[in-house]
PDB file of N, CA and C in Angstrom:
ATOM      1  N   MET A   1      29.727 -12.553   2.858  1.00  0.00           N
ATOM      2  CA  MET A   1      29.130 -11.125   2.965  1.00  0.00           C
ATOM      3  C   MET A   1      28.289 -10.611   1.977  1.00  0.00           C
ATOM      4  N   VAL A   2      27.600  -9.864   2.065  1.00  0.00           N
ATOM      5  CA  VAL A   2      27.192  -9.458   1.275  1.00  0.00           C
ATOM      6  C   VAL A   2      27.447  -7.918   0.454  1.00  0.00           C
ATOM      7  N   PRO A   3      27.846  -7.980  -1.012  1.00  0.00           N
ATOM      8  CA  PRO A   3      28.234  -6.758  -1.672  1.00  0.00           C
ATOM      9  C   PRO A   3      27.292  -5.960  -1.503  1.00  0.00           C
ATOM     10  N   VAL A   4      27.606  -4.686  -1.332  1.00  0.00           N
ATOM     11  CA  VAL A   4      27.458  -2.678  -1.116  1.00  0.00           C
ATOM     12  C   VAL A   4      26.965  -2.429  -2.005  1.00  0.00           C
ATOM     13  N   ILE A   5      25.889  -2.239  -2.730  1.00  0.00           N
ATOM     14  CA  ILE A   5      25.979  -1.640  -3.990  1.00  0.00           C
ATOM     15  C   ILE A   5      25.197  -0.528  -4.184  1.00  0.00           C
ATOM     16  N   SER A   6      26.467   0.915  -4.047  1.00  0.00           N
ATOM     17  CA  SER A   6      26.244   2.021  -3.783  1.00  0.00           C
ATOM     18  C   SER A   6      25.016   2.789  -4.738  1.00  0.00           C
ATOM     19  N   ASN A   7      25.080   2.677  -5.862  1.00  0.00           N
ATOM     20  CA  ASN A   7      24.688   2.867  -6.875  1.00  0.00           C
ATOM     21  C   ASN A   7      22.514   2.569  -6.829  1.00  0.00           C
ATOM     22  N   ALA A   8      22.293   1.557  -6.051  1.00  0.00           N
ATOM     23  CA  ALA A   8      21.399   1.008  -5.723  1.00  0.00           C
ATOM     24  C   ALA A   8      20.068   1.893  -5.274  1.00  0.00           C
ATOM     25  N   ARG A   9      18.735   1.541  -6.117  1.00  0.00           N
ATOM     26  CA  ARG A   9      17.877   2.670  -5.773  1.00  0.00           C
ATOM     27  C   ARG A   9      16.755   2.248  -4.720  1.00  0.00           C
ATOM     28  N   PRO A  10      16.444   2.879  -3.155  1.00  0.00           N
ATOM     29  CA  PRO A  10      16.545   2.429  -1.861  1.00  0.00           C
ATOM     30  C   PRO A  10      15.206   1.292  -2.604  1.00  0.00           C
ATOM     31  N   GLN A  11      14.925   1.004  -1.554  1.00  0.00           N
ATOM     32  CA  GLN A  11      13.574   0.353  -1.652  1.00  0.00           C
ATOM     33  C   GLN A  11      12.422   0.852  -1.870  1.00  0.00           C
ATOM     34  N   MET A  12      11.416   0.432  -1.993  1.00  0.00           N
ATOM     35  CA  MET A  12      10.470   1.720  -1.318  1.00  0.00           C
ATOM     36  C   MET A  12       9.264   0.885  -1.006  1.00  0.00           C
ATOM     37  N   ILE A  13       8.393   1.089  -0.121  1.00  0.00           N
ATOM     38  CA  ILE A  13       7.466   0.852   1.004  1.00  0.00           C
ATOM     39  C   ILE A  13       6.200   1.122   0.921  1.00  0.00           C
ATOM     40  N   TYR A  14       5.334   0.988   0.356  1.00  0.00           N
ATOM     41  CA  TYR A  14       4.438   1.634   0.602  1.00  0.00           C
ATOM     42  C   TYR A  14       2.966   0.702   1.087  1.00  0.00           C
ATOM     43  N   TYR A  15       2.098   2.210   1.858  1.00  0.00           N
ATOM     44  CA  TYR A  15       1.276   0.864   2.499  1.00  0.00           C
ATOM     45  C   TYR A  15      -0.206   1.261   2.008  1.00  0.00           C
ATOM     46  N   ILE A  16      -0.687   0.789   1.819  1.00  0.00           N
ATOM     47  CA  ILE A  16      -2.491   0.765   0.806  1.00  0.00           C
ATOM     48  C   ILE A  16      -3.517   0.614   1.488  1.00  0.00           C
ATOM     49  N   ASP A  17      -4.729   1.368   1.713  1.00  0.00           N
ATOM     50  CA  ASP A  17      -5.269   1.615   3.076  1.00  0.00           C
ATOM     51  C   ASP A  17      -6.891   0.795   1.761  1.00  0.00           C
ATOM     52  N   VAL A  18      -7.322  -0.067   2.532  1.00  0.00           N
ATOM     53  CA  VAL A  18      -8.566  -0.717   1.878  1.00  0.00           C
ATOM     54  C   VAL A  18      -9.486   0.257   1.469  1.00  0.00           C
ATOM     55  N   ASP A  19      -9.940   1.314   1.954  1.00  0.00           N
ATOM     56  CA  ASP A  19     -11.858   1.305   1.857  1.00  0.00           C
ATOM     57  C   ASP A  19     -11.350   2.771   1.385  1.00  0.00           C
ATOM     58  N   ASP A  20     -11.813   2.855   0.260  1.00  0.00           N
ATOM     59  CA  ASP A  20     -12.212   4.215  -0.604  1.00  0.00           C
ATOM     60  C   ASP A  20     -10.641   4.204  -1.593  1.00  0.00           C
ATOM     61  N   THR A  21     -10.038   2.921  -1.602  1.00  0.00           N
ATOM     62  CA  THR A  21      -8.178   3.051  -1.686  1.00  0.00           C
ATOM     63  C   THR A  21      -8.616   2.021  -3.118  1.00  0.00           C
ATOM     64  N   LEU A  22      -9.042   0.617  -3.046  1.00  0.00           N
ATOM     65  CA  LEU A  22      -8.904  -0.585  -3.384  1.00  0.00           C
ATOM     66  C   LEU A  22     -10.123  -1.292  -3.266  1.00  0.00           C
ATOM     67  N   ILE A  23     -11.136  -0.511  -2.101  1.00  0.00           N
ATOM     68  CA  ILE A  23     -12.688  -0.790  -2.965  1.00  0.00           C
ATOM     69  C   ILE A  23     -13.425   0.297  -2.194  1.00  0.00           C
ATOM     70  N   ARG A  24     -14.806   0.162  -2.862  1.00  0.00           N
ATOM     71  CA  ARG A  24     -15.754   1.468  -2.297  1.00  0.00           C
ATOM     72  C   ARG A  24     -16.911   0.817  -2.174  1.00  0.00           C
ATOM     73  N   THR A  25     -17.620   0.742  -0.799  1.00  0.00           N
ATOM     74  CA  THR A  25     -18.928   0.286  -0.793  1.00  0.00           C
ATOM     75  C   THR A  25     -19.855   1.188  -0.683  1.00  0.00           C
ATOM     76  N   VAL A  26     -21.095   0.520  -1.357  1.00  0.00           N
ATOM     77  CA  VAL A  26     -22.210   1.767  -1.499  1.00  0.00           C
ATOM     78  C   VAL A  26     -23.242   0.797  -0.975  1.00  0.00           C
ATOM     79  N   GLY A  27     -23.665   1.328  -0.134  1.00  0.00           N
ATOM     80  CA  GLY A  27     -24.800  -0.206   0.853  1.00  0.00           C
ATOM     81  C   GLY A  27     -23.930  -1.315   0.801  1.00  0.00           C
ATOM     82  N   ASN A  28     -24.161  -2.344   0.055  1.00  0.00           N
ATOM     83  CA  ASN A  28     -24.118  -3.849  -0.025  1.00  0.00           C
ATOM     84  C   ASN A  28     -23.283  -4.095  -1.224  1.00  0.00           C
ATOM     85  N   ILE A  29     -23.288  -2.962  -1.851  1.00  0.00           N
ATOM     86  CA  ILE A  29     -22.563  -3.354  -3.523  1.00  0.00           C
ATOM     87  C   ILE A  29     -21.283  -2.602  -2.886  1.00  0.00           C
ATOM     88  N   VAL A  30     -20.082  -3.567  -3.026  1.00  0.00           N
ATOM     89  CA  VAL A  30     -18.709  -3.129  -3.225  1.00  0.00           C
ATOM     90  C   VAL A  30     -17.935  -3.445  -4.230  1.00  0.00           C
ATOM     91  N   ILE A  31     -17.535  -2.295  -4.848  1.00  0.00           N
ATOM     92  CA  ILE A  31     -16.691  -1.687  -6.496  1.00  0.00           C
ATOM     93  C   ILE A  31     -15.280  -1.267  -6.082  1.00  0.00           C
ATOM     94  N   THR A  32     -14.551  -2.582  -7.107  1.00  0.00           N
ATOM     95  CA  THR A  32     -13.857  -2.672  -7.176  1.00  0.00           C
ATOM     96  C   THR A  32     -12.989  -1.176  -6.983  1.00  0.00           C
ATOM     97  N   ILE A  33     -11.700  -0.775  -7.119  1.00  0.00           N
ATOM     98  CA  ILE A  33     -11.499   0.468  -7.835  1.00  0.00           C
ATOM     99  C   ILE A  33     -10.851  -0.232  -8.647  1.00  0.00           C
ATOM    100  N   ILE A  34     -10.247  -0.534  -9.704  1.00  0.00           N
ATOM    101  CA  ILE A  34      -9.486  -1.190 -10.696  1.00  0.00           C
ATOM    102  C   ILE A  34      -8.450  -0.343 -10.429  1.00  0.00           C
ATOM    103  N   ASP A  35      -8.910   0.439 -10.408  1.00  0.00           N
ATOM    104  CA  ASP A  35      -7.030   1.700 -11.156  1.00  0.00           C
ATOM    105  C   ASP A  35      -5.603   1.130 -10.016  1.00  0.00           C
ATOM    106  N   THR A  36      -6.136   1.202  -8.530  1.00  0.00           N
ATOM    107  CA  THR A  36      -5.384   0.892  -7.737  1.00  0.00           C
ATOM    108  C   THR A  36      -4.728  -0.713  -7.989  1.00  0.00           C
ATOM    109  N   VAL A  37      -6.079  -1.499  -8.318  1.00  0.00           N
ATOM    110  CA  VAL A  37      -5.112  -2.909  -8.091  1.00  0.00           C
ATOM    111  C   VAL A  37      -4.816  -2.986  -9.243  1.00  0.00           C
ATOM    112  N   ASN A  38      -4.950  -2.672 -10.196  1.00  0.00           N
ATOM    113  CA  ASN A  38      -3.440  -2.729 -11.589  1.00  0.00           C
ATOM    114  C   ASN A  38      -2.611  -1.694 -11.495  1.00  0.00           C
ATOM    115  N   TRP A  39      -2.828  -0.192 -10.361  1.00  0.00           N
ATOM    116  CA  TRP A  39      -1.623  -0.291 -10.016  1.00  0.00           C
ATOM    117  C   TRP A  39      -1.104  -1.070  -8.573  1.00  0.00           C
ATOM    118  N   ALA A  40      -1.117  -1.508  -7.717  1.00  0.00           N
ATOM    119  CA  ALA A  40      -0.734  -2.618  -6.998  1.00  0.00           C
ATOM    120  C   ALA A  40       0.309  -3.600  -7.703  1.00  0.00           C
ATOM    121  N   LYS A  41      -0.949  -3.851  -8.784  1.00  0.00           N
ATOM    122  CA  LYS A  41       0.251  -5.880  -9.913  1.00  0.00           C
ATOM    123  C   LYS A  41       1.100  -5.044 -10.562  1.00  0.00           C
ATOM    124  N   GLY A  42       1.207  -3.919 -11.312  1.00  0.00           N
ATOM    125  CA  GLY A  42       2.493  -3.783 -11.692  1.00  0.00           C
ATOM    126  C   GLY A  42       3.433  -3.011 -11.185  1.00  0.00           C
ATOM    127  N   VAL A  43       3.388  -3.110  -9.721  1.00  0.00           N
ATOM    128  CA  VAL A  43       4.487  -3.142  -8.706  1.00  0.00           C
ATOM    129  C   VAL A  43       6.148  -4.266  -8.535  1.00  0.00           C
ATOM    130  N   ASP A  44       6.751  -4.161  -8.501  1.00  0.00           N
ATOM    131  CA  ASP A  44       7.960  -5.095  -9.148  1.00  0.00           C
ATOM    132  C   ASP A  44       8.679  -5.122  -7.169  1.00  0.00           C
ATOM    133  N   LEU A  45       7.623  -6.661  -7.337  1.00  0.00           N
ATOM    134  CA  LEU A  45       7.685  -6.862  -5.560  1.00  0.00           C
ATOM    135  C   LEU A  45       9.337  -7.363  -5.215  1.00  0.00           C
ATOM    136  N   THR A  46      10.706  -7.652  -6.514  1.00  0.00           N
ATOM    137  CA  THR A  46      11.413  -8.001  -6.304  1.00  0.00           C
ATOM    138  C   THR A  46      12.319  -6.148  -5.591  1.00  0.00           C
ATOM    139  N   LYS A  47      11.682  -5.126  -5.948  1.00  0.00           N
ATOM    140  CA  LYS A  47      11.881  -3.985  -5.811  1.00  0.00           C
ATOM    141  C   LYS A  47      11.339  -2.993  -4.249  1.00  0.00           C
ATOM    142  N   ASN A  48      10.179  -3.509  -4.094  1.00  0.00           N
ATOM    143  CA  ASN A  48       9.269  -2.699  -3.289  1.00  0.00           C
ATOM    144  C   ASN A  48       8.313  -3.439  -2.468  1.00  0.00           C
ATOM    145  N   ILE A  49       8.040  -3.177  -1.207  1.00  0.00           N
ATOM    146  CA  ILE A  49       7.347  -4.085  -0.182  1.00  0.00           C
ATOM    147  C   ILE A  49       6.234  -2.966  -0.332  1.00  0.00           C
ATOM    148  N   LEU A  50       4.801  -4.140  -0.661  1.00  0.00           N
ATOM    149  CA  LEU A  50       3.059  -3.136  -0.572  1.00  0.00           C
ATOM    150  C   LEU A  50       2.703  -4.083   1.000  1.00  0.00           C
ATOM    151  N   TYR A  51       2.094  -2.939   2.102  1.00  0.00           N
ATOM    152  CA  TYR A  51       1.428  -3.081   2.882  1.00  0.00           C
ATOM    153  C   TYR A  51      -0.075  -3.066   2.516  1.00  0.00           C
ATOM    154  N   LEU A  52      -0.770  -4.262   3.157  1.00  0.00           N
ATOM    155  CA  LEU A  52      -2.326  -3.331   2.604  1.00  0.00           C
ATOM    156  C   LEU A  52      -2.650  -2.901   4.800  1.00  0.00           C
ATOM    157  N   TRP A  53      -3.605  -2.126   4.503  1.00  0.00           N
ATOM    158  CA  TRP A  53      -3.846  -2.206   6.244  1.00  0.00           C
ATOM    159  C   TRP A  53      -5.014  -1.311   6.376  1.00  0.00           C
ATOM    160  N   SER A  54      -6.454  -0.861   6.859  1.00  0.00           N
ATOM    161  CA  SER A  54      -7.254  -0.689   7.067  1.00  0.00           C
ATOM    162  C   SER A  54      -8.180  -0.447   8.367  1.00  0.00           C
ATOM    163  N   ARG A  55      -8.522   0.294   8.494  1.00  0.00           N
ATOM    164  CA  ARG A  55      -8.960   1.370  10.380  1.00  0.00           C
ATOM    165  C   ARG A  55     -10.092  -0.401  10.615  1.00  0.00           C
ATOM    166  N   GLY A  56     -10.761  -1.408   9.620  1.00  0.00           N
ATOM    167  CA  GLY A  56     -11.364  -1.967   9.660  1.00  0.00           C
ATOM    168  C   GLY A  56     -10.325  -3.428  10.676  1.00  0.00           C
ATOM    169  N   GLY A  57      -9.219  -3.309  10.641  1.00  0.00           N
ATOM    170  CA  GLY A  57      -8.289  -4.267  10.839  1.00  0.00           C
ATOM    171  C   GLY A  57      -7.763  -4.993  10.334  1.00  0.00           C
ATOM    172  N   ALA A  58      -6.574  -6.023  10.275  1.00  0.00           N
ATOM    173  CA  ALA A  58      -5.648  -6.545  10.133  1.00  0.00           C
ATOM    174  C   ALA A  58      -6.346  -8.024   8.365  1.00  0.00           C
ATOM    175  N   ASP A  59      -7.488  -8.778  10.024  1.00  0.00           N
ATOM    176  CA  ASP A  59      -7.753  -9.689   9.189  1.00  0.00           C
ATOM    177  C   ASP A  59      -9.431  -9.170   7.495  1.00  0.00           C
ATOM    178  N   TYR A  60      -9.691  -8.047   7.922  1.00  0.00           N
ATOM    179  CA  TYR A  60     -10.890  -7.242   7.569  1.00  0.00           C
ATOM    180  C   TYR A  60      -9.675  -6.572   5.397  1.00  0.00           C
ATOM    181  N   ALA A  61      -8.573  -6.686   6.102  1.00  0.00           N
ATOM    182  CA  ALA A  61      -7.671  -6.536   4.959  1.00  0.00           C
ATOM    183  C   ALA A  61      -7.081  -7.273   4.328  1.00  0.00           C
ATOM    184  N   LYS A  62      -6.393  -8.141   4.481  1.00  0.00           N
ATOM    185  CA  LYS A  62      -6.425  -9.695   3.980  1.00  0.00           C
ATOM    186  C   LYS A  62      -7.283 -10.747   3.926  1.00  0.00           C
ATOM    187  N   GLY A  63      -8.632  -9.871   3.995  1.00  0.00           N
ATOM    188  CA  GLY A  63     -10.511 -10.564   3.227  1.00  0.00           C
ATOM    189  C   GLY A  63     -10.168 -10.112   2.305  1.00  0.00           C
ATOM    190  N   ILE A  64     -10.143  -8.306   2.613  1.00  0.00           N
ATOM    191  CA  ILE A  64     -10.471  -7.915   0.973  1.00  0.00           C
ATOM    192  C   ILE A  64      -9.297  -8.090   0.047  1.00  0.00           C
ATOM    193  N   ALA A  65      -8.197  -8.459   0.570  1.00  0.00           N
ATOM    194  CA  ALA A  65      -6.931  -8.345  -0.652  1.00  0.00           C
ATOM    195  C   ALA A  65      -7.498 -10.376  -0.985  1.00  0.00           C
ATOM    196  N   ALA A  66      -8.022 -10.815  -0.264  1.00  0.00           N
ATOM    197  CA  ALA A  66      -8.386 -12.691  -1.362  1.00  0.00           C
ATOM    198  C   ALA A  66      -9.359 -12.369  -1.821  1.00  0.00           C
ATOM    199  N   LYS A  67     -10.471 -11.722  -1.343  1.00  0.00           N
ATOM    200  CA  LYS A  67     -12.054 -12.032  -2.694  1.00  0.00           C
ATOM    201  C   LYS A  67     -10.754 -10.937  -3.344  1.00  0.00           C
ATOM    202  N   LEU A  68     -10.362 -10.336  -3.364  1.00  0.00           N
ATOM    203  CA  LEU A  68      -9.844  -9.163  -4.829  1.00  0.00           C
ATOM    204  C   LEU A  68      -8.911 -10.132  -5.887  1.00  0.00           C
ATOM    205  N   GLY A  69      -8.645 -11.518  -5.338  1.00  0.00           N
ATOM    206  CA  GLY A  69      -7.422 -12.005  -5.728  1.00  0.00           C
ATOM    207  C   GLY A  69      -6.149 -11.549  -6.011  1.00  0.00           C
ATOM    208  N   ILE A  70      -5.517 -10.899  -4.922  1.00  0.00           N
ATOM    209  CA  ILE A  70      -4.361  -9.912  -5.018  1.00  0.00           C
ATOM    210  C   ILE A  70      -3.789 -10.243  -3.471  1.00  0.00           C
ATOM    211  N   SER A  71      -4.033 -10.989  -2.720  1.00  0.00           N
ATOM    212  CA  SER A  71      -3.116 -11.071  -1.416  1.00  0.00           C
ATOM    213  C   SER A  71      -1.407 -11.526  -1.281  1.00  0.00           C
ATOM    214  N   GLU A  72      -1.091 -11.938  -2.965  1.00  0.00           N
ATOM    215  CA  GLU A  72       0.306 -12.263  -3.075  1.00  0.00           C
ATOM    216  C   GLU A  72       1.043 -11.462  -3.015  1.00  0.00           C
ATOM    217  N   LEU A  73       0.498  -9.551  -3.394  1.00  0.00           N
ATOM    218  CA  LEU A  73       0.957  -8.579  -3.425  1.00  0.00           C
ATOM    219  C   LEU A  73       2.057  -8.314  -2.348  1.00  0.00           C
ATOM    220  N   PHE A  74       1.351  -8.236  -1.576  1.00  0.00           N
ATOM    221  CA  PHE A  74       1.000  -7.536   0.633  1.00  0.00           C
ATOM    222  C   PHE A  74       2.872  -8.671   1.514  1.00  0.00           C
ATOM    223  N   THR A  75       3.374  -7.828   1.844  1.00  0.00           N
ATOM    224  CA  THR A  75       4.059  -8.219   2.282  1.00  0.00           C
ATOM    225  C   THR A  75       3.201  -8.755   4.003  1.00  0.00           C
ATOM    226  N   ALA A  76       2.535  -7.812   4.451  1.00  0.00           N
ATOM    227  CA  ALA A  76       1.286  -8.423   5.591  1.00  0.00           C
ATOM    228  C   ALA A  76       0.492  -7.690   5.593  1.00  0.00           C
ATOM    229  N   PHE A  77      -0.779  -7.975   6.448  1.00  0.00           N
ATOM    230  CA  PHE A  77      -1.767  -6.964   6.414  1.00  0.00           C
ATOM    231  C   PHE A  77      -2.193  -6.250   7.891  1.00  0.00           C
ATOM    232  N   LEU A  78      -2.299  -4.774   8.029  1.00  0.00           N
ATOM    233  CA  LEU A  78      -2.300  -4.523   8.776  1.00  0.00           C
ATOM    234  C   LEU A  78      -3.748  -3.651   9.710  1.00  0.00           C
ATOM    235  N   SER A  79      -3.759  -3.598  11.059  1.00  0.00           N
ATOM    236  CA  SER A  79      -4.950  -2.088  11.122  1.00  0.00           C
ATOM    237  C   SER A  79      -3.954  -1.337  11.111  1.00  0.00           C
ATOM    238  N   LYS A  80      -4.918   0.072  10.184  1.00  0.00           N
ATOM    239  CA  LYS A  80      -4.311   1.608  10.218  1.00  0.00           C
ATOM    240  C   LYS A  80      -4.237   1.910  11.753  1.00  0.00           C
ATOM    241  N   PRO A  81      -2.680   2.505  11.908  1.00  0.00           N
ATOM    242  CA  PRO A  81      -2.949   3.033  12.930  1.00  0.00           C
ATOM    243  C   PRO A  81      -3.177   3.655  13.385  1.00  0.00           C
ATOM    244  N   ALA A  82      -4.071   4.201  15.362  1.00  0.00           N
ATOM    245  CA  ALA A  82      -4.506   5.288  15.532  1.00  0.00           C
ATOM    246  C   ALA A  82      -3.445   6.879  16.103  1.00  0.00           C
ATOM    247  N   THR A  83      -2.345   5.929  16.522  1.00  0.00           N
ATOM    248  CA  THR A  83      -1.080   7.013  16.950  1.00  0.00           C
ATOM    249  C   THR A  83      -0.277   6.190  16.549  1.00  0.00           C
ATOM    250  N   LEU A  84       0.657   7.630  16.365  1.00  0.00           N
ATOM    251  CA  LEU A  84       1.762   7.521  16.011  1.00  0.00           C
ATOM    252  C   LEU A  84       3.143   8.025  16.691  1.00  0.00           C
ATOM    253  N   ILE A  85       4.226   7.068  17.701  1.00  0.00           N
ATOM    254  CA  ILE A  85       5.135   7.389  18.611  1.00  0.00           C
ATOM    255  C   ILE A  85       6.103   7.617  18.159  1.00  0.00           C
ATOM    256  N   ASP A  86       6.439   9.063  17.498  1.00  0.00           N
ATOM    257  CA  ASP A  86       8.066   9.400  17.064  1.00  0.00           C
ATOM    258  C   ASP A  86       7.941  10.041  17.136  1.00  0.00           C
ATOM    259  N   ASP A  87       9.827   9.913  17.380  1.00  0.00           N
ATOM    260  CA  ASP A  87      10.557  11.542  17.459  1.00  0.00           C
ATOM    261  C   ASP A  87      10.555  11.984  17.055  1.00  0.00           C
ATOM    262  N   GLN A  88       9.598  12.371  15.620  1.00  0.00           N
ATOM    263  CA  GLN A  88       9.881  13.206  14.250  1.00  0.00           C
ATOM    264  C   GLN A  88       7.727  13.405  14.423  1.00  0.00           C
ATOM    265  N   ASP A  89       7.423  14.489  13.789  1.00  0.00           N
ATOM    266  CA  ASP A  89       6.128  14.773  13.474  1.00  0.00           C
ATOM    267  C   ASP A  89       6.201  14.217  12.011  1.00  0.00           C
ATOM    268  N   ILE A  90       5.238  13.865  11.690  1.00  0.00           N
ATOM    269  CA  ILE A  90       4.828  13.120  10.514  1.00  0.00           C
ATOM    270  C   ILE A  90       4.574  14.441   8.807  1.00  0.00           C
ATOM    271  N   LYS A  91       4.648  15.522   9.787  1.00  0.00           N
ATOM    272  CA  LYS A  91       4.853  16.788   9.487  1.00  0.00           C
ATOM    273  C   LYS A  91       6.224  17.202   8.374  1.00  0.00           C
ATOM    274  N   ASP A  92       7.210  16.447   9.043  1.00  0.00           N
ATOM    275  CA  ASP A  92       8.269  16.810   9.424  1.00  0.00           C
ATOM    276  C   ASP A  92       9.111  15.283   8.400  1.00  0.00           C
ATOM    277  N   TRP A  93       8.391  14.624   7.694  1.00  0.00           N
ATOM    278  CA  TRP A  93       8.861  13.058   6.635  1.00  0.00           C
ATOM    279  C   TRP A  93       9.266  13.526   6.027  1.00  0.00           C
ATOM    280  N   SER A  94      10.217  13.769   5.358  1.00  0.00           N
ATOM    281  CA  SER A  94      10.481  14.647   3.929  1.00  0.00           C
ATOM    282  C   SER A  94      10.045  13.374   2.872  1.00  0.00           C
ATOM    283  N   HIS A  95      10.471  12.283   3.227  1.00  0.00           N
ATOM    284  CA  HIS A  95      10.302  10.760   2.352  1.00  0.00           C
ATOM    285  C   HIS A  95       8.900  10.248   2.473  1.00  0.00           C
ATOM    286  N   LEU A  96       7.787  11.242   3.174  1.00  0.00           N
ATOM    287  CA  LEU A  96       6.738  10.826   3.216  1.00  0.00           C
ATOM    288  C   LEU A  96       5.979  11.340   1.991  1.00  0.00           C
ATOM    289  N   ARG A  97       5.224  10.621   1.372  1.00  0.00           N
ATOM    290  CA  ARG A  97       4.436  10.666   0.153  1.00  0.00           C
ATOM    291  C   ARG A  97       2.704   9.980   0.378  1.00  0.00           C
ATOM    292  N   VAL A  98       2.434  11.119   0.223  1.00  0.00           N
ATOM    293  CA  VAL A  98       0.634  10.429  -0.006  1.00  0.00           C
ATOM    294  C   VAL A  98      -0.255  11.096  -1.270  1.00  0.00           C
ATOM    295  N   HIS A  99      -0.180  10.084  -1.671  1.00  0.00           N
ATOM    296  CA  HIS A  99      -1.651   9.594  -3.079  1.00  0.00           C
ATOM    297  C   HIS A  99      -2.555   9.561  -2.782  1.00  0.00           C
ATOM    298  N   HIS A 100      -3.402  10.344  -3.530  1.00  0.00           N
ATOM    299  CA  HIS A 100      -5.368   9.512  -3.716  1.00  0.00           C
ATOM    300  C   HIS A 100      -5.189   8.923  -4.749  1.00  0.00           C
ATOM    301  N   PRO A 101      -6.162   8.223  -4.919  1.00  0.00           N
ATOM    302  CA  PRO A 101      -5.975   6.620  -5.389  1.00  0.00           C
ATOM    303  C   PRO A 101      -6.126   6.935  -6.992  1.00  0.00           C
ATOM    304  N   SER A 102      -7.145   8.417  -6.758  1.00  0.00           N
ATOM    305  CA  SER A 102      -7.215   8.882  -8.142  1.00  0.00           C
ATOM    306  C   SER A 102      -5.933   9.914  -9.037  1.00  0.00           C
ATOM    307  N   SER A 103      -5.055   9.790  -8.327  1.00  0.00           N
ATOM    308  CA  SER A 103      -3.768  10.462  -9.128  1.00  0.00           C
ATOM    309  C   SER A 103      -2.904   9.349  -8.925  1.00  0.00           C
ATOM    310  N   LEU A 104      -3.148   8.285  -8.470  1.00  0.00           N
ATOM    311  CA  LEU A 104      -1.612   7.164  -8.603  1.00  0.00           C
ATOM    312  C   LEU A 104      -0.317   7.704  -9.918  1.00  0.00           C
ATOM    313  N   PRO A 105       0.625   8.455  -8.740  1.00  0.00           N
ATOM    314  CA  PRO A 105       1.929   8.312 -10.141  1.00  0.00           C
ATOM    315  C   PRO A 105       2.048   7.749 -10.490  1.00  0.00           C
ATOM    316  N   ILE A 106       2.540   8.215 -11.877  1.00  0.00           N
ATOM    317  CA  ILE A 106       3.215   7.722 -13.342  1.00  0.00           C
ATOM    318  C   ILE A 106       3.933   6.959 -13.894  1.00  0.00           C
ATOM    319  N   TYR A 107       5.412   7.990 -12.913  1.00  0.00           N
ATOM    320  CA  TYR A 107       5.942   7.035 -12.359  1.00  0.00           C
ATOM    321  C   TYR A 107       6.629   5.275 -12.561  1.00  0.00           C
ATOM    322  N   ASP A 108       7.891   5.006 -12.649  1.00  0.00           N
ATOM    323  CA  ASP A 108       7.959   3.484 -13.327  1.00  0.00           C
ATOM    324  C   ASP A 108       8.186   3.325 -11.095  1.00  0.00           C
ATOM    325  N   VAL A 109       7.119   2.176 -11.131  1.00  0.00           N
ATOM    326  CA  VAL A 109       7.305   1.964  -9.778  1.00  0.00           C
ATOM    327  C   VAL A 109       8.027   0.211 -10.508  1.00  0.00           C
ATOM    328  N   ALA A 110       8.334  -0.108 -11.548  1.00  0.00           N
ATOM    329  CA  ALA A 110       8.940  -1.356 -11.607  1.00  0.00           C
ATOM    330  C   ALA A 110      10.538  -0.699 -10.980  1.00  0.00           C
TER     331      ALA A 110
END
């Protein structure tokens, strides 16, 4: 039996978008948004889970992660949802936080 640790911090789950979060595309030029990449690299993966998603689909997200050399950071690659089916409106999710990549939280993600 696994012991329950009552004072353990709940695991954080992060969904990170590809376009204009990890990369920015200008014409045929792809620019890495290094602050987001570095932030993701700094996450303690023993305490947190990262998913990468995109409107371009799971394969697109996986390909971008591979090109950036960060595939191993992500638990899975997903298509960004177009429809959410839940008993709660998303505005009522008191635990959900949205951060623009230019203002990623400074708090410890380790």
